[in-house]
């Protein structure tokens, strides 16, 4: 098999610029882990640069044609190709609780889900780097005060330091996507345990942004807060006006309300 044909239903766009592949691989700092998982390696344009690094590289690929290609062309991977769907597979069947980084040229249609899955496994994932649709990469790294700032921004930045690294033209892919791409990196914070109920925090953030045009006083009505708490000036604001730290404080106040 010489090449894998890109499949639209899998959101495949194969990167064909070696310099960009090298730069994505170099986004990993290799700090705090000895293993890396590449999601959706395709024909291995990024994989080959990961295999040069002093780290144990694993790949997870749902496309059987790509799996066959990798088996034939990257003998170094041998038993480290996982032919599964990352979003559905229990990755600890392979990693057994050990820390690992995630990297990839992610399919646009599931990229946000990959980030949410990473957040669920944050205890195990100290670093994450990869390529997204440009606006998604920007959203993850966005600060308060803009339309792009939202659920993904707040939840990610609560646990990770995020950095937008560089933009990638649509012309370096086969087939070319209709939008530009962006490469970003997330490094887990040294103290990433929140000083509040984390489940409640997720709930507050999602509920607030689901009605982002409303003030918090209206969007968070379902939390049945006391009148005393509802008088707090923070409830005059809309969610995009509130920093990650303020969302944590808000969660603490809601948890303590009426206790």
C-alpha atoms as a PDB file:
ATOM      1  CA  UNK A   1       0.000   0.000   0.000  1.00  0.00           C
ATOM      2  CA  UNK A   2       1.580   3.263  -1.156  1.00  0.00           C
ATOM      3  CA  UNK A   3      -0.884   5.743   0.282  1.00  0.00           C
ATOM      4  CA  UNK A   4      -4.025   5.914   2.366  1.00  0.00           C
ATOM      5  CA  UNK A   5      -7.022   7.627   0.819  1.00  0.00           C
ATOM      6  CA  UNK A   6      -8.462  10.366   3.052  1.00  0.00           C
ATOM      7  CA  UNK A   7     -11.951   9.488   4.280  1.00  0.00           C
ATOM      8  CA  UNK A   8     -14.413  12.328   4.643  1.00  0.00           C
ATOM      9  CA  UNK A   9     -16.532  10.613   7.329  1.00  0.00           C
ATOM     10  CA  UNK A  10     -13.411  10.369   9.546  1.00  0.00           C
ATOM     11  CA  UNK A  11     -12.519  14.018   8.967  1.00  0.00           C
ATOM     12  CA  UNK A  12      -9.141  13.049   7.520  1.00  0.00           C
ATOM     13  CA  UNK A  13      -6.880  15.754   6.067  1.00  0.00           C
ATOM     14  CA  UNK A  14      -3.328  14.469   5.697  1.00  0.00           C
ATOM     15  CA  UNK A  15      -0.597  16.974   6.481  1.00  0.00           C
ATOM     16  CA  UNK A  16       2.104  16.981   3.807  1.00  0.00           C
ATOM     17  CA  UNK A  17       4.498  19.636   5.113  1.00  0.00           C
ATOM     18  CA  UNK A  18       7.458  18.038   6.913  1.00  0.00           C
ATOM     19  CA  UNK A  19       8.556  21.258   8.640  1.00  0.00           C
ATOM     20  CA  UNK A  20       5.149  21.736  10.227  1.00  0.00           C
ATOM     21  CA  UNK A  21       5.096  18.096  11.345  1.00  0.00           C
ATOM     22  CA  UNK A  22       8.518  18.588  12.953  1.00  0.00           C
ATOM     23  CA  UNK A  23       7.334  21.786  14.683  1.00  0.00           C
ATOM     24  CA  UNK A  24       4.240  20.053  16.099  1.00  0.00           C
ATOM     25  CA  UNK A  25       6.394  17.209  17.443  1.00  0.00           C
ATOM     26  CA  UNK A  26       8.771  19.776  18.966  1.00  0.00           C
ATOM     27  CA  UNK A  27       5.868  21.422  20.818  1.00  0.00           C
ATOM     28  CA  UNK A  28       6.165  18.672  23.427  1.00  0.00           C
ATOM     29  CA  UNK A  29       8.495  19.600  26.288  1.00  0.00           C
ATOM     30  CA  UNK A  30       8.869  15.931  27.391  1.00  0.00           C
ATOM     31  CA  UNK A  31       8.580  16.989  31.043  1.00  0.00           C
ATOM     32  CA  UNK A  32       6.829  14.762  33.585  1.00  0.00           C
ATOM     33  CA  UNK A  33       6.175  11.689  31.435  1.00  0.00           C
ATOM     34  CA  UNK A  34       7.941   8.973  29.434  1.00  0.00           C
ATOM     35  CA  UNK A  35       5.131   8.019  27.067  1.00  0.00           C
ATOM     36  CA  UNK A  36       3.204   9.866  24.383  1.00  0.00           C
ATOM     37  CA  UNK A  37      -0.002   8.929  22.587  1.00  0.00           C
ATOM     38  CA  UNK A  38      -0.585  10.276  19.090  1.00  0.00           C
ATOM     39  CA  UNK A  39      -4.268  10.366  18.130  1.00  0.00           C
ATOM     40  CA  UNK A  40      -5.108   9.778  14.452  1.00  0.00           C
ATOM     41  CA  UNK A  41      -1.601   9.371  12.973  1.00  0.00           C
ATOM     42  CA  UNK A  42      -2.841   8.604   9.442  1.00  0.00           C
ATOM     43  CA  UNK A  43       0.257   7.890   7.364  1.00  0.00           C
ATOM     44  CA  UNK A  44       2.658   8.905  10.124  1.00  0.00           C
ATOM     45  CA  UNK A  45       3.911  12.319   8.994  1.00  0.00           C
ATOM     46  CA  UNK A  46       4.038  13.423  12.654  1.00  0.00           C
ATOM     47  CA  UNK A  47       4.808   9.935  14.006  1.00  0.00           C
ATOM     48  CA  UNK A  48       8.232   9.756  12.349  1.00  0.00           C
ATOM     49  CA  UNK A  49       9.413  12.823  14.299  1.00  0.00           C
ATOM     50  CA  UNK A  50       8.001  11.504  17.568  1.00  0.00           C
ATOM     51  CA  UNK A  51       9.916   8.247  17.054  1.00  0.00           C
ATOM     52  CA  UNK A  52      13.178  10.263  16.974  1.00  0.00           C
ATOM     53  CA  UNK A  53      12.555  11.567  20.500  1.00  0.00           C
ATOM     54  CA  UNK A  54      13.706   9.886  23.757  1.00  0.00           C
ATOM     55  CA  UNK A  55      10.177   8.838  24.574  1.00  0.00           C
ATOM     56  CA  UNK A  56       7.908   5.819  24.141  1.00  0.00           C
ATOM     57  CA  UNK A  57       5.521   6.611  21.259  1.00  0.00           C
ATOM     58  CA  UNK A  58       2.108   4.939  20.949  1.00  0.00           C
ATOM     59  CA  UNK A  59      -0.510   5.710  18.315  1.00  0.00           C
ATOM     60  CA  UNK A  60      -4.267   5.185  18.327  1.00  0.00           C
ATOM     61  CA  UNK A  61      -6.019   5.004  14.961  1.00  0.00           C
ATOM     62  CA  UNK A  62      -9.598   4.126  14.080  1.00  0.00           C
ATOM     63  CA  UNK A  63      -8.961   3.774  10.316  1.00  0.00           C
ATOM     64  CA  UNK A  64      -7.933   0.190   9.520  1.00  0.00           C
ATOM     65  CA  UNK A  65      -6.295   1.235   6.239  1.00  0.00           C
ATOM     66  CA  UNK A  66      -4.049   3.676   8.133  1.00  0.00           C
ATOM     67  CA  UNK A  67      -3.256   0.985  10.717  1.00  0.00           C
ATOM     68  CA  UNK A  68      -2.094  -1.342   7.946  1.00  0.00           C
ATOM     69  CA  UNK A  69       0.018   1.438   6.420  1.00  0.00           C
ATOM     70  CA  UNK A  70       1.688   2.201   9.754  1.00  0.00           C
ATOM     71  CA  UNK A  71       2.388  -1.485  10.410  1.00  0.00           C
ATOM     72  CA  UNK A  72       4.122  -1.743   7.023  1.00  0.00           C
ATOM     73  CA  UNK A  73       6.093   1.512   7.159  1.00  0.00           C
ATOM     74  CA  UNK A  74       6.960   2.077  10.836  1.00  0.00           C
ATOM     75  CA  UNK A  75       8.473  -1.104  12.212  1.00  0.00           C
ATOM     76  CA  UNK A  76       9.580   0.804  15.333  1.00  0.00           C
ATOM     77  CA  UNK A  77       5.926   1.054  16.342  1.00  0.00           C
ATOM     78  CA  UNK A  78       5.463  -2.744  16.141  1.00  0.00           C
ATOM     79  CA  UNK A  79       3.136  -3.492  19.096  1.00  0.00           C
ATOM     80  CA  UNK A  80       2.376   0.163  19.907  1.00  0.00           C
ATOM     81  CA  UNK A  81      -0.388   0.694  17.350  1.00  0.00           C
ATOM     82  CA  UNK A  82      -3.809   0.734  19.030  1.00  0.00           C
ATOM     83  CA  UNK A  83      -6.556   0.088  16.472  1.00  0.00           C
ATOM     84  CA  UNK A  84      -9.377   1.714  18.472  1.00  0.00           C
ATOM     85  CA  UNK A  85     -11.524   4.840  18.819  1.00  0.00           C
ATOM     86  CA  UNK A  86      -9.832   7.114  21.391  1.00  0.00           C
ATOM     87  CA  UNK A  87     -13.174   8.501  22.565  1.00  0.00           C
ATOM     88  CA  UNK A  88     -14.549   5.051  23.391  1.00  0.00           C
ATOM     89  CA  UNK A  89     -11.483   3.024  24.358  1.00  0.00           C
ATOM     90  CA  UNK A  90     -10.187   2.566  27.916  1.00  0.00           C
ATOM     91  CA  UNK A  91      -6.621   3.714  27.244  1.00  0.00           C
ATOM     92  CA  UNK A  92      -5.467   2.315  30.592  1.00  0.00           C
ATOM     93  CA  UNK A  93      -5.616  -1.135  29.082  1.00  0.00           C
ATOM     94  CA  UNK A  94      -2.317   0.047  27.588  1.00  0.00           C
ATOM     95  CA  UNK A  95      -1.012   2.742  29.969  1.00  0.00           C
ATOM     96  CA  UNK A  96      -2.155   1.153  33.243  1.00  0.00           C
ATOM     97  CA  UNK A  97      -2.419   4.440  35.128  1.00  0.00           C
ATOM     98  CA  UNK A  98       0.981   5.808  34.036  1.00  0.00           C
ATOM     99  CA  UNK A  99       1.310   9.443  32.933  1.00  0.00           C
ATOM    100  CA  UNK A 100       1.395  10.145  29.201  1.00  0.00           C
ATOM    101  CA  UNK A 101       1.200  13.120  26.861  1.00  0.00           C
ATOM    102  CA  UNK A 102      -1.254  13.490  23.980  1.00  0.00           C
ATOM    103  CA  UNK A 103      -0.394  14.863  20.559  1.00  0.00           C
ATOM    104  CA  UNK A 104      -1.997  14.836  17.143  1.00  0.00           C
ATOM    105  CA  UNK A 105      -3.301  16.462  14.015  1.00  0.00           C
ATOM    106  CA  UNK A 106      -6.830  16.054  15.323  1.00  0.00           C
ATOM    107  CA  UNK A 107      -9.907  15.450  13.138  1.00  0.00           C
ATOM    108  CA  UNK A 108     -11.872  18.702  13.402  1.00  0.00           C
ATOM    109  CA  UNK A 109     -15.187  16.954  13.969  1.00  0.00           C
ATOM    110  CA  UNK A 110     -14.068  15.388  17.277  1.00  0.00           C
ATOM    111  CA  UNK A 111     -11.328  17.775  18.454  1.00  0.00           C
ATOM    112  CA  UNK A 112     -13.365  19.365  21.274  1.00  0.00           C
ATOM    113  CA  UNK A 113     -14.401  15.905  22.494  1.00  0.00           C
ATOM    114  CA  UNK A 114     -10.716  14.921  22.616  1.00  0.00           C
ATOM    115  CA  UNK A 115     -10.029  17.934  24.857  1.00  0.00           C
ATOM    116  CA  UNK A 116     -12.954  17.070  27.177  1.00  0.00           C
ATOM    117  CA  UNK A 117     -11.700  13.477  27.400  1.00  0.00           C
ATOM    118  CA  UNK A 118      -8.247  14.831  28.287  1.00  0.00           C
ATOM    119  CA  UNK A 119      -9.780  16.931  31.075  1.00  0.00           C
ATOM    120  CA  UNK A 120     -11.467  13.804  32.452  1.00  0.00           C
ATOM    121  CA  UNK A 121      -8.044  12.119  32.525  1.00  0.00           C
ATOM    122  CA  UNK A 122      -6.108  15.179  33.719  1.00  0.00           C
ATOM    123  CA  UNK A 123      -4.499  13.259  36.601  1.00  0.00           C
ATOM    124  CA  UNK A 124      -2.650  11.222  33.977  1.00  0.00           C
ATOM    125  CA  UNK A 125      -2.013  13.779  31.226  1.00  0.00           C
ATOM    126  CA  UNK A 126       0.585  16.444  32.142  1.00  0.00           C
ATOM    127  CA  UNK A 127       0.906  17.754  28.590  1.00  0.00           C
ATOM    128  CA  UNK A 128      -1.138  18.000  25.402  1.00  0.00           C
ATOM    129  CA  UNK A 129      -0.177  19.475  22.025  1.00  0.00           C
ATOM    130  CA  UNK A 130      -1.699  19.408  18.596  1.00  0.00           C
ATOM    131  CA  UNK A 131      -3.461  20.901  15.647  1.00  0.00           C
ATOM    132  CA  UNK A 132      -7.089  21.988  15.591  1.00  0.00           C
ATOM    133  CA  UNK A 133      -9.306  24.117  13.428  1.00  0.00           C
ATOM    134  CA  UNK A 134      -7.815  27.576  14.059  1.00  0.00           C
ATOM    135  CA  UNK A 135     -10.848  28.996  15.859  1.00  0.00           C
ATOM    136  CA  UNK A 136     -11.000  26.008  18.239  1.00  0.00           C
ATOM    137  CA  UNK A 137      -7.294  26.335  19.107  1.00  0.00           C
ATOM    138  CA  UNK A 138      -7.845  30.062  19.720  1.00  0.00           C
ATOM    139  CA  UNK A 139     -10.927  29.372  21.847  1.00  0.00           C
ATOM    140  CA  UNK A 140      -8.998  27.001  24.127  1.00  0.00           C
ATOM    141  CA  UNK A 141      -6.369  29.715  24.719  1.00  0.00           C
ATOM    142  CA  UNK A 142      -8.738  32.717  24.825  1.00  0.00           C
ATOM    143  CA  UNK A 143      -8.961  35.007  27.849  1.00  0.00           C
ATOM    144  CA  UNK A 144     -12.119  36.612  29.259  1.00  0.00           C
ATOM    145  CA  UNK A 145     -13.835  39.495  27.523  1.00  0.00           C
ATOM    146  CA  UNK A 146     -14.292  38.110  23.989  1.00  0.00           C
ATOM    147  CA  UNK A 147     -16.953  36.183  22.082  1.00  0.00           C
ATOM    148  CA  UNK A 148     -14.538  33.283  21.588  1.00  0.00           C
ATOM    149  CA  UNK A 149     -14.108  32.823  25.360  1.00  0.00           C
ATOM    150  CA  UNK A 150     -16.418  30.037  26.487  1.00  0.00           C
ATOM    151  CA  UNK A 151     -16.857  26.662  28.164  1.00  0.00           C
ATOM    152  CA  UNK A 152     -13.784  25.149  26.508  1.00  0.00           C
ATOM    153  CA  UNK A 153     -11.616  28.150  27.504  1.00  0.00           C
ATOM    154  CA  UNK A 154     -12.628  28.134  31.181  1.00  0.00           C
ATOM    155  CA  UNK A 155     -12.584  24.385  31.801  1.00  0.00           C
ATOM    156  CA  UNK A 156      -9.241  23.891  30.049  1.00  0.00           C
ATOM    157  CA  UNK A 157      -7.527  26.859  31.698  1.00  0.00           C
ATOM    158  CA  UNK A 158      -8.726  25.808  35.146  1.00  0.00           C
ATOM    159  CA  UNK A 159      -6.315  22.855  34.985  1.00  0.00           C
ATOM    160  CA  UNK A 160      -3.798  23.695  32.235  1.00  0.00           C
ATOM    161  CA  UNK A 161      -1.682  26.630  31.081  1.00  0.00           C
ATOM    162  CA  UNK A 162      -2.589  27.040  27.411  1.00  0.00           C
ATOM    163  CA  UNK A 163      -0.545  28.586  24.612  1.00  0.00           C
ATOM    164  CA  UNK A 164      -1.409  29.236  20.965  1.00  0.00           C
ATOM    165  CA  UNK A 165       1.766  28.395  19.030  1.00  0.00           C
ATOM    166  CA  UNK A 166       1.268  28.989  15.301  1.00  0.00           C
ATOM    167  CA  UNK A 167      -1.206  29.048  12.415  1.00  0.00           C
ATOM    168  CA  UNK A 168      -1.168  26.514   9.559  1.00  0.00           C
ATOM    169  CA  UNK A 169      -2.407  27.221   6.018  1.00  0.00           C
ATOM    170  CA  UNK A 170      -5.108  25.026   4.505  1.00  0.00           C
ATOM    171  CA  UNK A 171      -2.835  24.414   1.488  1.00  0.00           C
ATOM    172  CA  UNK A 172      -0.473  21.992   3.257  1.00  0.00           C
ATOM    173  CA  UNK A 173      -3.082  19.228   3.547  1.00  0.00           C
ATOM    174  CA  UNK A 174      -4.461  16.543   1.248  1.00  0.00           C
ATOM    175  CA  UNK A 175      -7.315  17.203   0.740  1.00  0.00           C
ATOM    176  CA  UNK A 176      -7.157  20.855   1.892  1.00  0.00           C
ATOM    177  CA  UNK A 177      -9.728  21.753   4.584  1.00  0.00           C
ATOM    178  CA  UNK A 178     -11.896  24.847   4.100  1.00  0.00           C
ATOM    179  CA  UNK A 179     -10.380  26.640   7.099  1.00  0.00           C
ATOM    180  CA  UNK A 180      -6.976  27.427   8.579  1.00  0.00           C
ATOM    181  CA  UNK A 181      -5.564  25.331  11.397  1.00  0.00           C
ATOM    182  CA  UNK A 182      -3.887  26.310  14.647  1.00  0.00           C
ATOM    183  CA  UNK A 183      -1.357  24.475  16.808  1.00  0.00           C
ATOM    184  CA  UNK A 184      -1.574  24.882  20.567  1.00  0.00           C
ATOM    185  CA  UNK A 185      -0.069  23.378  23.713  1.00  0.00           C
ATOM    186  CA  UNK A 186      -1.502  22.725  27.162  1.00  0.00           C
ATOM    187  CA  UNK A 187       0.758  22.144  30.168  1.00  0.00           C
ATOM    188  CA  UNK A 188      -0.919  20.975  33.349  1.00  0.00           C
ATOM    189  CA  UNK A 189      -0.651  23.426  36.213  1.00  0.00           C
ATOM    190  CA  UNK A 190       1.572  22.485  39.100  1.00  0.00           C
ATOM    191  CA  UNK A 191      -1.388  22.768  41.443  1.00  0.00           C
ATOM    192  CA  UNK A 192      -4.295  21.642  39.282  1.00  0.00           C
ATOM    193  CA  UNK A 193      -6.649  20.560  42.061  1.00  0.00           C
ATOM    194  CA  UNK A 194      -9.351  23.207  42.320  1.00  0.00           C
ATOM    195  CA  UNK A 195     -10.171  24.753  45.736  1.00  0.00           C
ATOM    196  CA  UNK A 196     -13.855  24.043  45.116  1.00  0.00           C
ATOM    197  CA  UNK A 197     -16.201  21.191  44.236  1.00  0.00           C
ATOM    198  CA  UNK A 198     -14.974  20.292  40.731  1.00  0.00           C
ATOM    199  CA  UNK A 199     -18.241  18.698  39.615  1.00  0.00           C
ATOM    200  CA  UNK A 200     -20.160  21.811  40.700  1.00  0.00           C
ATOM    201  CA  UNK A 201     -17.553  24.002  38.955  1.00  0.00           C
ATOM    202  CA  UNK A 202     -18.125  22.194  35.623  1.00  0.00           C
ATOM    203  CA  UNK A 203     -21.880  22.536  36.117  1.00  0.00           C
ATOM    204  CA  UNK A 204     -21.718  26.267  36.905  1.00  0.00           C
ATOM    205  CA  UNK A 205     -19.495  27.025  33.886  1.00  0.00           C
ATOM    206  CA  UNK A 206     -21.602  25.004  31.437  1.00  0.00           C
ATOM    207  CA  UNK A 207     -24.904  26.405  32.742  1.00  0.00           C
ATOM    208  CA  UNK A 208     -23.626  29.996  32.587  1.00  0.00           C
ATOM    209  CA  UNK A 209     -22.359  29.753  28.998  1.00  0.00           C
ATOM    210  CA  UNK A 210     -25.410  27.860  27.754  1.00  0.00           C
ATOM    211  CA  UNK A 211     -27.225  31.204  28.136  1.00  0.00           C
ATOM    212  CA  UNK A 212     -24.240  33.434  27.547  1.00  0.00           C
ATOM    213  CA  UNK A 213     -26.237  36.557  26.654  1.00  0.00           C
ATOM    214  CA  UNK A 214     -27.901  36.605  30.058  1.00  0.00           C
ATOM    215  CA  UNK A 215     -26.413  37.866  33.295  1.00  0.00           C
ATOM    216  CA  UNK A 216     -25.438  35.179  35.792  1.00  0.00           C
ATOM    217  CA  UNK A 217     -28.388  36.186  37.972  1.00  0.00           C
ATOM    218  CA  UNK A 218     -30.692  34.861  35.236  1.00  0.00           C
ATOM    219  CA  UNK A 219     -28.617  32.038  33.721  1.00  0.00           C
ATOM    220  CA  UNK A 220     -27.865  30.411  37.089  1.00  0.00           C
ATOM    221  CA  UNK A 221     -31.451  30.493  38.441  1.00  0.00           C
ATOM    222  CA  UNK A 222     -31.572  26.688  38.520  1.00  0.00           C
ATOM    223  CA  UNK A 223     -29.073  26.675  41.419  1.00  0.00           C
ATOM    224  CA  UNK A 224     -31.783  28.027  43.781  1.00  0.00           C
ATOM    225  CA  UNK A 225     -29.530  30.594  45.449  1.00  0.00           C
ATOM    226  CA  UNK A 226     -30.617  32.652  48.417  1.00  0.00           C
ATOM    227  CA  UNK A 227     -31.591  36.279  47.838  1.00  0.00           C
ATOM    228  CA  UNK A 228     -28.560  37.292  49.861  1.00  0.00           C
ATOM    229  CA  UNK A 229     -26.167  35.612  47.411  1.00  0.00           C
ATOM    230  CA  UNK A 230     -28.049  36.859  44.361  1.00  0.00           C
ATOM    231  CA  UNK A 231     -27.327  40.435  45.498  1.00  0.00           C
ATOM    232  CA  UNK A 232     -23.588  39.847  44.964  1.00  0.00           C
ATOM    233  CA  UNK A 233     -22.350  42.172  42.176  1.00  0.00           C
ATOM    234  CA  UNK A 234     -20.740  39.280  40.279  1.00  0.00           C
ATOM    235  CA  UNK A 235     -24.267  38.239  39.237  1.00  0.00           C
ATOM    236  CA  UNK A 236     -24.600  41.479  37.237  1.00  0.00           C
ATOM    237  CA  UNK A 237     -22.000  40.120  34.804  1.00  0.00           C
ATOM    238  CA  UNK A 238     -22.279  37.815  31.811  1.00  0.00           C
ATOM    239  CA  UNK A 239     -20.097  34.673  31.683  1.00  0.00           C
ATOM    240  CA  UNK A 240     -17.575  35.985  29.144  1.00  0.00           C
ATOM    241  CA  UNK A 241     -16.745  38.812  31.568  1.00  0.00           C
ATOM    242  CA  UNK A 242     -15.591  36.399  34.276  1.00  0.00           C
ATOM    243  CA  UNK A 243     -12.102  34.918  34.642  1.00  0.00           C
ATOM    244  CA  UNK A 244     -11.340  31.309  35.534  1.00  0.00           C
ATOM    245  CA  UNK A 245     -10.430  32.416  39.073  1.00  0.00           C
ATOM    246  CA  UNK A 246     -13.754  34.242  39.427  1.00  0.00           C
ATOM    247  CA  UNK A 247     -15.633  31.129  38.283  1.00  0.00           C
ATOM    248  CA  UNK A 248     -13.855  29.186  41.033  1.00  0.00           C
ATOM    249  CA  UNK A 249     -14.868  31.846  43.600  1.00  0.00           C
ATOM    250  CA  UNK A 250     -18.429  31.777  42.250  1.00  0.00           C
ATOM    251  CA  UNK A 251     -18.552  27.994  42.694  1.00  0.00           C
ATOM    252  CA  UNK A 252     -17.294  28.354  46.285  1.00  0.00           C
ATOM    253  CA  UNK A 253     -20.024  30.934  47.008  1.00  0.00           C
ATOM    254  CA  UNK A 254     -22.782  28.767  45.536  1.00  0.00           C
ATOM    255  CA  UNK A 255     -21.535  25.740  47.513  1.00  0.00           C
ATOM    256  CA  UNK A 256     -21.524  27.742  50.768  1.00  0.00           C
ATOM    257  CA  UNK A 257     -24.858  29.448  50.083  1.00  0.00           C
ATOM    258  CA  UNK A 258     -27.534  28.532  52.610  1.00  0.00           C
ATOM    259  CA  UNK A 259     -25.258  26.064  54.437  1.00  0.00           C
END
